[in-house]
Amino acid sequence: MRMVRYMLPLMLLALVAQPALARHFKVYGYGTLDPGEIELVYWTDYVWKSDNKMYYFGTPNVGRQGLWAHTLEIEYGITDRFMLAAYVDFEKPSGEDFKYVQTRIITARYRFGEPGARFFDTAVYVEYYLPDPSYLGMGKEAIEGRLILEKDIGGKTLRLNPRLEKVLSGPDVQEGLEFEYGASLYGPLTDRFKWGLELYGAMGELVNFKTPRKQKHYIVPALTYKISKALKWNVGAALGLTKASDDVVIKSLLEWEL
């Protein structure tokens, strides 16, 4: 219960906080919605501590400390294995206006086989990004592909999300496939709480990784609270492990199945 005592203040902060580059901390799982089922998700990230800068709608070198990122998501089950989703992202750096950033559409997730049939339960996830051109000063469309691997280990759930992204337009279109990863391990704490530990990293082009100093890596102690049968809340603190990473980011993820 000591972990619960430490995590509850972070949960309260996430509620009153406002948002980290419209790209949130989540390791996707193998499961999909039932046909006709709808899930609404509200994401919030808050950059609590960072020395890093960003470009924000024509303004260079905007401090990332104090940045809020918000996302609204809707997911819809097509079949018992296939689902679609759409996201709308917003950001507000400290001292700047709250603005729309991008829409992520044609987001599809498909799972293979039945749970437990293979060593890893496997699914794939595809996403298309259409940002506001003035956000980064360019029309930088991109497509993302993510492999989802999940396995139950002694009552705990291990998830792995290797991810590739390709820029489709703008000055970075000549860049190769960018590689990122996500991983998580969750286990029961009480009937309503689950403890979790997550890892994330962005390493650069697949055939030409950035130097370790320029890569972004995070470790995230987290907690999931089951508010009701249909509503659950995940919250955590992402701790940056490299110079290029933000130092501390508070994340909140509220999921509601209709």
Protein backbone atom coordinates (compact mmCIF):
# COMPACT_ATOMS: atom_id res chain seq x y z
CA MET A 1 0.00 0.00 0.00
CA ARG A 2 3.02 2.28 0.30
CA MET A 3 3.09 2.57 -3.51
CA VAL A 4 -0.56 3.68 -3.51
CA ARG A 5 0.27 6.39 -0.96
CA TYR A 6 3.01 7.80 -3.22
CA MET A 7 1.02 7.54 -6.46
CA LEU A 8 -2.20 9.21 -5.27
CA PRO A 9 -0.66 12.73 -5.21
CA LEU A 10 0.45 12.21 -8.82
CA MET A 11 -3.09 11.18 -9.74
CA LEU A 12 -4.46 14.39 -8.21
CA LEU A 13 -1.86 16.46 -10.06
CA ALA A 14 -2.82 14.80 -13.36
CA LEU A 15 -6.43 15.81 -12.85
CA VAL A 16 -5.74 19.50 -12.40
CA ALA A 17 -2.82 19.64 -14.78
CA GLN A 18 -3.24 20.84 -18.33
CA PRO A 19 -0.25 18.89 -21.37
CA ALA A 20 4.36 16.47 -24.19
CA LEU A 21 4.33 16.73 -27.92
CA ALA A 22 0.94 15.06 -28.51
CA ARG A 23 2.67 11.70 -28.25
CA HIS A 24 1.70 10.05 -25.01
CA PHE A 25 3.08 7.25 -22.89
CA LYS A 26 1.07 4.11 -23.59
CA VAL A 27 2.00 0.51 -24.33
CA TYR A 28 -0.81 -1.00 -26.38
CA GLY A 29 -2.30 -4.35 -25.48
CA TYR A 30 -3.43 -7.32 -27.54
CA GLY A 31 -7.16 -7.04 -26.80
CA THR A 32 -9.68 -5.38 -29.10
CA LEU A 33 -13.21 -4.10 -28.57
CA ASP A 34 -16.25 -6.25 -29.32
CA PRO A 35 -18.20 -5.48 -32.53
CA GLY A 36 -20.15 -2.24 -32.10
CA GLU A 37 -18.45 -1.39 -28.80
CA ILE A 38 -17.14 2.17 -28.30
CA GLU A 39 -14.38 3.41 -25.99
CA LEU A 40 -13.57 7.04 -25.22
CA VAL A 41 -10.10 8.00 -23.99
CA TYR A 42 -8.79 11.26 -22.56
CA TRP A 43 -4.99 11.56 -22.43
CA THR A 44 -3.04 14.22 -20.54
CA ASP A 45 0.73 14.67 -20.23
CA TYR A 46 2.44 17.44 -18.26
CA VAL A 47 6.16 18.19 -18.59
CA TRP A 48 7.02 18.87 -14.97
CA LYS A 49 10.76 19.38 -15.45
CA SER A 50 12.82 19.84 -18.63
CA ASP A 51 15.67 21.92 -20.06
CA ASN A 52 14.67 21.08 -23.65
CA LYS A 53 13.21 23.49 -26.18
CA MET A 54 10.70 23.07 -29.02
CA TYR A 55 9.31 24.90 -32.07
CA TYR A 56 5.70 25.98 -31.47
CA PHE A 57 3.61 27.54 -34.26
CA GLY A 58 6.27 29.93 -35.56
CA THR A 59 8.01 30.48 -32.24
CA PRO A 60 11.41 28.74 -31.89
CA ASN A 61 13.04 27.73 -28.62
CA VAL A 62 9.83 27.48 -26.60
CA GLY A 63 10.58 25.82 -23.26
CA ARG A 64 9.07 22.36 -22.81
CA GLN A 65 8.88 22.71 -19.03
CA GLY A 66 5.27 23.46 -18.17
CA LEU A 67 3.99 22.01 -21.46
CA TRP A 68 0.58 20.32 -21.41
CA ALA A 69 -0.51 17.84 -24.11
CA HIS A 70 -4.12 16.69 -24.42
CA THR A 71 -5.67 14.08 -26.68
CA LEU A 72 -9.24 12.98 -27.23
CA GLU A 73 -9.65 9.49 -28.72
CA ILE A 74 -12.59 7.39 -29.87
CA GLU A 75 -12.24 3.66 -30.63
CA TYR A 76 -14.82 1.45 -32.33
CA GLY A 77 -14.95 -2.34 -32.65
CA ILE A 78 -15.60 -3.58 -36.20
CA THR A 79 -15.23 -7.31 -35.57
CA ASP A 80 -14.04 -9.32 -32.57
CA ARG A 81 -10.46 -8.89 -33.88
CA PHE A 82 -10.45 -5.58 -35.76
CA MET A 83 -11.03 -2.03 -34.51
CA LEU A 84 -10.64 1.55 -35.74
CA ALA A 85 -9.82 4.74 -33.87
CA ALA A 86 -9.28 8.47 -34.37
CA TYR A 87 -7.35 10.96 -32.21
CA VAL A 88 -7.30 14.76 -31.96
CA ASP A 89 -4.23 16.33 -30.29
CA PHE A 90 -3.84 19.70 -28.54
CA GLU A 91 -0.93 21.40 -26.75
CA LYS A 92 -0.25 24.36 -24.48
CA PRO A 93 3.32 25.30 -23.52
CA SER A 94 3.81 27.56 -20.52
CA GLY A 95 3.03 31.15 -21.51
CA GLU A 96 1.65 30.16 -24.93
CA ASP A 97 -1.88 29.68 -26.28
CA PHE A 98 -3.78 26.38 -26.18
CA LYS A 99 -3.84 25.11 -29.80
CA TYR A 100 -4.94 22.24 -32.00
CA VAL A 101 -1.90 20.24 -33.15
CA GLN A 102 -2.96 17.34 -35.35
CA THR A 103 -5.45 14.62 -36.19
CA ARG A 104 -4.47 10.97 -36.24
CA ILE A 105 -6.83 8.93 -38.38
CA ILE A 106 -7.15 5.63 -40.22
CA THR A 107 -5.93 4.11 -36.99
CA ALA A 108 -6.45 0.34 -37.10
CA ARG A 109 -5.64 -2.51 -34.76
CA TYR A 110 -5.96 -6.20 -35.66
CA ARG A 111 -5.22 -9.16 -33.40
CA PHE A 112 -4.17 -12.60 -34.59
CA GLY A 113 -5.53 -15.85 -33.17
CA GLU A 114 -7.00 -16.48 -29.75
CA PRO A 115 -5.44 -15.53 -26.39
CA GLY A 116 -2.82 -18.02 -25.23
CA ALA A 117 -2.59 -19.84 -28.58
CA ARG A 118 1.03 -18.71 -29.16
CA PHE A 119 4.02 -17.83 -27.00
CA PHE A 120 3.10 -14.15 -27.52
CA ASP A 121 -0.43 -12.93 -28.22
CA THR A 122 0.16 -10.76 -31.28
CA ALA A 123 -1.56 -7.77 -32.90
CA VAL A 124 -0.62 -4.99 -35.32
CA TYR A 125 -1.44 -1.28 -35.22
CA VAL A 126 -1.27 1.28 -38.05
CA GLU A 127 -1.70 5.05 -37.70
CA TYR A 128 -1.62 8.07 -40.04
CA TYR A 129 -0.64 11.54 -38.80
CA LEU A 130 -1.99 14.75 -40.35
CA PRO A 131 -0.58 17.72 -38.39
CA ASP A 132 -1.46 21.40 -38.67
CA PRO A 133 1.23 22.62 -41.18
CA SER A 134 2.05 25.65 -39.01
CA TYR A 135 2.71 23.46 -35.95
CA LEU A 136 6.21 22.42 -37.00
CA GLY A 137 6.48 24.89 -39.86
CA MET A 138 5.93 22.14 -42.42
CA GLY A 139 3.32 19.71 -43.71
CA LYS A 140 4.87 16.68 -42.06
CA GLU A 141 2.53 13.75 -42.66
CA ALA A 142 3.70 10.42 -41.30
CA ILE A 143 2.58 6.81 -41.03
CA GLU A 144 3.31 4.56 -38.04
CA GLY A 145 3.32 0.80 -37.72
CA ARG A 146 3.47 -0.94 -34.35
CA LEU A 147 3.80 -4.63 -33.46
CA ILE A 148 1.95 -5.56 -30.26
CA LEU A 149 3.22 -8.54 -28.26
CA GLU A 150 1.58 -9.59 -24.99
CA LYS A 151 2.13 -12.45 -22.55
CA ASP A 152 0.80 -13.37 -19.11
CA ILE A 153 3.58 -14.37 -16.71
CA GLY A 154 2.50 -15.63 -13.31
CA GLY A 155 -0.45 -13.27 -12.98
CA LYS A 156 1.47 -10.33 -14.46
CA THR A 157 1.08 -8.93 -18.00
CA LEU A 158 4.12 -8.23 -20.18
CA ARG A 159 3.63 -6.06 -23.27
CA LEU A 160 6.14 -5.12 -25.98
CA ASN A 161 5.56 -2.48 -28.68
CA PRO A 162 8.38 -2.11 -31.25
CA ARG A 163 7.38 0.76 -33.57
CA LEU A 164 8.44 2.15 -36.97
CA GLU A 165 7.52 5.56 -38.41
CA LYS A 166 8.02 7.01 -41.91
CA VAL A 167 7.64 10.69 -42.78
CA LEU A 168 5.59 11.07 -45.99
CA SER A 169 5.97 14.78 -46.76
CA GLY A 170 7.93 17.88 -45.80
CA PRO A 171 11.72 18.43 -45.59
CA ASP A 172 12.25 15.22 -43.58
CA VAL A 173 10.72 12.98 -46.23
CA GLN A 174 14.16 11.63 -47.21
CA GLU A 175 14.69 10.22 -43.72
CA GLY A 176 14.49 6.47 -43.31
CA LEU A 177 12.33 4.47 -40.93
CA GLU A 178 12.45 5.83 -37.38
CA PHE A 179 12.55 3.20 -34.61
CA GLU A 180 10.92 3.54 -31.20
CA TYR A 181 9.94 1.04 -28.54
CA GLY A 182 7.58 0.68 -25.62
CA ALA A 183 7.38 -2.07 -23.00
CA SER A 184 5.38 -2.56 -19.82
CA LEU A 185 4.89 -5.01 -16.97
CA TYR A 186 1.71 -4.78 -14.85
CA GLY A 187 0.54 -6.83 -11.88
CA PRO A 188 -2.25 -6.77 -9.26
CA LEU A 189 -1.83 -4.65 -6.14
CA THR A 190 -5.40 -4.74 -4.76
CA ASP A 191 -8.81 -5.53 -6.24
CA ARG A 192 -8.92 -2.07 -7.83
CA PHE A 193 -5.25 -1.14 -8.23
CA LYS A 194 -2.54 -2.49 -10.53
CA TRP A 195 1.12 -1.52 -10.26
CA GLY A 196 3.08 -1.01 -13.45
CA LEU A 197 6.53 -0.29 -14.84
CA GLU A 198 6.91 1.02 -18.39
CA LEU A 199 9.89 1.72 -20.67
CA TYR A 200 9.97 3.94 -23.78
CA GLY A 201 12.66 4.96 -26.25
CA ALA A 202 13.19 6.85 -29.52
CA MET A 203 16.46 5.82 -31.17
CA GLY A 204 16.45 7.47 -34.60
CA GLU A 205 16.62 5.92 -38.05
CA LEU A 206 16.56 2.15 -38.06
CA VAL A 207 19.79 1.86 -40.08
CA ASN A 208 21.48 4.84 -38.44
CA PHE A 209 20.68 5.18 -34.73
CA LYS A 210 21.39 8.49 -33.04
CA THR A 211 24.21 8.68 -30.51
CA PRO A 212 23.06 7.60 -27.01
CA ARG A 213 23.16 11.23 -25.87
CA LYS A 214 20.63 12.25 -28.56
CA GLN A 215 18.28 9.31 -28.06
CA LYS A 216 15.22 9.62 -25.80
CA HIS A 217 14.59 6.99 -23.14
CA TYR A 218 12.15 6.94 -20.22
CA ILE A 219 11.29 4.69 -17.30
CA VAL A 220 7.74 5.10 -15.98
CA PRO A 221 6.46 3.78 -12.63
CA ALA A 222 2.69 3.76 -13.01
CA LEU A 223 -0.58 2.80 -11.38
CA THR A 224 -3.97 1.79 -12.84
CA TYR A 225 -7.12 2.36 -10.80
CA LYS A 226 -10.36 0.60 -11.76
CA ILE A 227 -12.97 3.23 -10.91
CA SER A 228 -15.87 1.10 -12.15
CA LYS A 229 -16.52 -1.76 -14.54
CA ALA A 230 -16.46 0.64 -17.51
CA LEU A 231 -14.02 3.31 -16.28
CA LYS A 232 -10.32 3.01 -15.45
CA TRP A 233 -7.53 5.50 -14.86
CA ASN A 234 -3.82 5.05 -15.52
CA VAL A 235 -1.31 7.54 -14.12
CA GLY A 236 2.46 7.62 -13.83
CA ALA A 237 5.66 9.65 -13.80
CA ALA A 238 7.98 9.34 -16.82
CA LEU A 239 11.61 9.84 -15.76
CA GLY A 240 14.00 10.83 -18.55
CA LEU A 241 17.20 8.79 -18.78
CA THR A 242 19.14 10.83 -21.38
CA LYS A 243 20.02 14.46 -22.09
CA ALA A 244 17.52 14.64 -24.97
CA SER A 245 14.68 13.39 -22.78
CA ASP A 246 12.47 15.59 -20.64
CA ASP A 247 13.43 15.10 -16.98
CA VAL A 248 9.96 14.38 -15.55
CA VAL A 249 6.61 14.02 -17.34
CA ILE A 250 3.35 13.26 -15.50
CA LYS A 251 0.98 11.13 -17.57
CA SER A 252 -2.73 10.48 -17.14
CA LEU A 253 -4.96 8.20 -19.22
CA LEU A 254 -8.71 7.92 -18.56
CA GLU A 255 -10.54 5.15 -20.48
CA TRP A 256 -14.33 4.78 -20.61
CA GLU A 257 -16.08 1.87 -22.35
CA LEU A 258 -19.62 2.79 -23.44
